N, C-alpha and C. Protein backbone atom coordinates (compact mmCIF):
# COMPACT_ATOMS: atom_id res chain seq x y z
N UNK A 1 0.84 -1.19 0.00
CA UNK A 1 0.00 0.00 0.00
C UNK A 1 0.88 1.25 0.00
N UNK A 2 0.50 2.22 -0.81
CA UNK A 2 1.27 3.45 -0.94
C UNK A 2 0.77 4.47 0.08
N UNK A 3 1.72 5.10 0.76
CA UNK A 3 1.36 6.15 1.71
C UNK A 3 1.37 7.49 1.00
N UNK A 4 0.25 8.20 1.05
CA UNK A 4 0.16 9.51 0.43
C UNK A 4 0.36 10.57 1.51
N UNK A 5 1.35 11.42 1.28
CA UNK A 5 1.63 12.49 2.22
C UNK A 5 0.87 13.74 1.81
N UNK A 6 0.41 14.50 2.78
CA UNK A 6 -0.30 15.74 2.43
C UNK A 6 0.65 16.78 1.84
N UNK A 7 0.09 17.64 1.03
CA UNK A 7 0.86 18.77 0.51
C UNK A 7 0.89 19.83 1.60
N UNK A 8 2.10 20.19 2.00
CA UNK A 8 2.27 21.12 3.12
C UNK A 8 2.10 22.56 2.64
N UNK A 9 1.33 23.34 3.38
CA UNK A 9 1.15 24.76 3.11
C UNK A 9 1.70 25.52 4.31
N UNK A 10 2.61 26.45 4.06
CA UNK A 10 3.15 27.30 5.13
C UNK A 10 2.47 28.65 5.06
N UNK A 11 2.19 29.21 6.22
CA UNK A 11 1.49 30.49 6.30
C UNK A 11 2.29 31.44 7.18
N UNK A 12 2.41 32.69 6.72
CA UNK A 12 3.07 33.70 7.54
C UNK A 12 2.42 35.06 7.30
N UNK A 13 2.53 35.92 8.30
CA UNK A 13 1.97 37.26 8.20
C UNK A 13 3.09 38.22 7.78
N UNK A 14 2.82 39.01 6.75
CA UNK A 14 3.77 40.01 6.27
C UNK A 14 3.69 41.25 7.17
N UNK A 15 4.71 42.11 7.07
CA UNK A 15 4.75 43.33 7.88
C UNK A 15 3.56 44.24 7.63
N UNK A 16 3.01 44.20 6.40
CA UNK A 16 1.87 45.06 6.06
C UNK A 16 0.53 44.44 6.46
N UNK A 17 0.56 43.28 7.12
CA UNK A 17 -0.66 42.65 7.62
C UNK A 17 -1.24 41.58 6.71
N UNK A 18 -0.80 41.53 5.45
CA UNK A 18 -1.31 40.50 4.55
C UNK A 18 -0.80 39.13 4.99
N UNK A 19 -1.55 38.11 4.64
CA UNK A 19 -1.16 36.73 4.94
C UNK A 19 -0.60 36.12 3.66
N UNK A 20 0.56 35.48 3.78
CA UNK A 20 1.19 34.81 2.65
C UNK A 20 1.17 33.31 2.89
N UNK A 21 0.62 32.57 1.94
CA UNK A 21 0.63 31.10 2.01
C UNK A 21 1.50 30.60 0.87
N UNK A 22 2.30 29.57 1.14
CA UNK A 22 3.18 29.01 0.12
C UNK A 22 3.23 27.49 0.25
N UNK A 23 3.65 26.83 -0.84
CA UNK A 23 3.80 25.38 -0.88
C UNK A 23 5.28 25.10 -1.11
N UNK A 24 6.02 24.71 -0.06
CA UNK A 24 7.47 24.52 -0.17
C UNK A 24 7.89 23.51 -1.24
N UNK A 25 7.10 22.47 -1.48
CA UNK A 25 7.46 21.46 -2.48
C UNK A 25 7.32 21.97 -3.91
N UNK A 26 6.65 23.11 -4.08
CA UNK A 26 6.46 23.70 -5.41
C UNK A 26 6.98 25.14 -5.36
N UNK A 27 8.28 25.33 -5.58
CA UNK A 27 8.87 26.66 -5.50
C UNK A 27 8.13 27.68 -6.35
N UNK A 28 7.88 28.83 -5.77
CA UNK A 28 7.19 29.89 -6.48
C UNK A 28 5.69 29.87 -6.34
N UNK A 29 5.15 28.80 -5.76
CA UNK A 29 3.70 28.71 -5.58
C UNK A 29 3.36 29.38 -4.25
N UNK A 30 2.79 30.58 -4.37
CA UNK A 30 2.42 31.35 -3.18
C UNK A 30 1.26 32.26 -3.52
N UNK A 31 0.54 32.67 -2.48
CA UNK A 31 -0.61 33.55 -2.68
C UNK A 31 -0.83 34.39 -1.42
N UNK A 32 -1.27 35.60 -1.65
CA UNK A 32 -1.62 36.49 -0.54
C UNK A 32 -3.12 36.48 -0.32
N UNK A 33 -3.50 36.76 0.92
CA UNK A 33 -4.91 36.92 1.25
C UNK A 33 -5.03 37.85 2.44
N UNK A 34 -6.22 38.37 2.64
CA UNK A 34 -6.45 39.24 3.80
C UNK A 34 -6.68 38.43 5.06
N UNK A 35 -7.04 37.15 4.87
CA UNK A 35 -7.18 36.22 6.00
C UNK A 35 -6.38 34.95 5.68
N UNK A 36 -6.13 34.15 6.71
CA UNK A 36 -5.41 32.90 6.49
C UNK A 36 -6.21 31.97 5.59
N UNK A 37 -7.51 31.87 5.81
CA UNK A 37 -8.34 30.99 4.99
C UNK A 37 -8.29 31.39 3.52
N UNK A 38 -8.36 32.69 3.25
CA UNK A 38 -8.32 33.16 1.87
C UNK A 38 -6.98 32.83 1.21
N UNK A 39 -5.89 33.08 1.91
CA UNK A 39 -4.57 32.80 1.35
C UNK A 39 -4.38 31.31 1.08
N UNK A 40 -4.83 30.47 2.00
CA UNK A 40 -4.69 29.01 1.84
C UNK A 40 -5.55 28.52 0.68
N UNK A 41 -6.78 29.01 0.56
CA UNK A 41 -7.63 28.62 -0.58
C UNK A 41 -6.97 28.99 -1.90
N UNK A 42 -6.44 30.20 -1.98
CA UNK A 42 -5.80 30.66 -3.21
C UNK A 42 -4.58 29.82 -3.55
N UNK A 43 -3.73 29.53 -2.55
CA UNK A 43 -2.50 28.79 -2.85
C UNK A 43 -2.81 27.34 -3.21
N UNK A 44 -3.86 26.76 -2.65
CA UNK A 44 -4.26 25.40 -3.05
C UNK A 44 -4.68 25.37 -4.51
N UNK A 45 -5.45 26.37 -4.93
CA UNK A 45 -5.89 26.43 -6.33
C UNK A 45 -4.69 26.58 -7.27
N UNK A 46 -3.75 27.43 -6.90
CA UNK A 46 -2.55 27.63 -7.73
C UNK A 46 -1.73 26.35 -7.78
N UNK A 47 -1.57 25.68 -6.63
CA UNK A 47 -0.78 24.44 -6.58
C UNK A 47 -1.39 23.38 -7.49
N UNK A 48 -2.71 23.26 -7.48
CA UNK A 48 -3.36 22.28 -8.35
C UNK A 48 -3.16 22.60 -9.82
N UNK A 49 -3.18 23.89 -10.17
CA UNK A 49 -2.92 24.29 -11.55
C UNK A 49 -1.49 23.96 -11.97
N UNK A 50 -0.54 24.24 -11.08
CA UNK A 50 0.87 23.95 -11.36
C UNK A 50 1.08 22.45 -11.51
N UNK A 51 0.49 21.66 -10.63
CA UNK A 51 0.61 20.20 -10.73
C UNK A 51 0.02 19.68 -12.03
N UNK A 52 -1.13 20.21 -12.42
CA UNK A 52 -1.75 19.79 -13.68
C UNK A 52 -0.83 20.12 -14.86
N UNK A 53 -0.22 21.30 -14.85
CA UNK A 53 0.71 21.68 -15.91
C UNK A 53 1.93 20.76 -15.93
N UNK A 54 2.42 20.38 -14.74
CA UNK A 54 3.58 19.48 -14.65
C UNK A 54 3.24 18.12 -15.24
N UNK A 55 2.06 17.59 -14.90
CA UNK A 55 1.64 16.29 -15.41
C UNK A 55 1.50 16.36 -16.93
N UNK A 56 0.85 17.40 -17.41
CA UNK A 56 0.60 17.53 -18.85
C UNK A 56 1.91 17.65 -19.63
N UNK A 57 2.90 18.34 -19.08
CA UNK A 57 4.15 18.53 -19.82
C UNK A 57 5.17 17.42 -19.56
N UNK A 58 4.83 16.47 -18.69
CA UNK A 58 5.72 15.34 -18.43
C UNK A 58 6.83 15.63 -17.43
N UNK A 59 6.71 16.73 -16.70
CA UNK A 59 7.71 17.07 -15.68
C UNK A 59 7.62 16.11 -14.50
N UNK A 60 8.72 15.93 -13.82
CA UNK A 60 8.79 15.08 -12.63
C UNK A 60 8.04 15.74 -11.48
N UNK A 61 7.13 15.01 -10.84
CA UNK A 61 6.41 15.54 -9.70
C UNK A 61 7.29 15.47 -8.46
N UNK A 62 7.11 16.41 -7.51
CA UNK A 62 7.86 16.33 -6.25
C UNK A 62 7.57 15.01 -5.55
N UNK A 63 8.53 14.50 -4.82
CA UNK A 63 8.47 13.18 -4.19
C UNK A 63 7.19 12.94 -3.38
N UNK A 64 6.76 13.87 -2.51
CA UNK A 64 5.56 13.57 -1.72
C UNK A 64 4.29 13.42 -2.57
N UNK A 65 4.34 13.86 -3.81
CA UNK A 65 3.14 13.86 -4.64
C UNK A 65 3.10 12.73 -5.67
N UNK A 66 4.20 12.03 -5.84
CA UNK A 66 4.26 10.95 -6.84
C UNK A 66 3.24 9.85 -6.58
N UNK A 67 2.90 9.61 -5.33
CA UNK A 67 1.98 8.53 -4.96
C UNK A 67 0.53 8.84 -5.32
N UNK A 68 0.26 10.05 -5.79
CA UNK A 68 -1.11 10.41 -6.14
C UNK A 68 -1.60 9.64 -7.36
N UNK A 69 -0.68 9.18 -8.20
CA UNK A 69 -1.05 8.53 -9.44
C UNK A 69 -0.46 7.12 -9.49
N UNK A 70 -1.30 6.14 -9.75
CA UNK A 70 -0.85 4.74 -9.76
C UNK A 70 -0.25 4.35 -11.11
N UNK A 71 -0.62 5.03 -12.17
CA UNK A 71 -0.15 4.65 -13.51
C UNK A 71 1.19 5.27 -13.82
């Protein structure tokens, strides 16, 4: 059985009060929001788009995400 690890989202507050959410396994995938929930929702949507582009172009998926696909 394959163990699927969750995609980690890091959240931090910027000096100007905005919330920044990022996905460390996908460099450059980050989003701002006025609340933590908003920033996390936005970064999840971006991460899914980036992953779809990676799959479509044949790029290697980050290690924690390879188990998402059995084929």
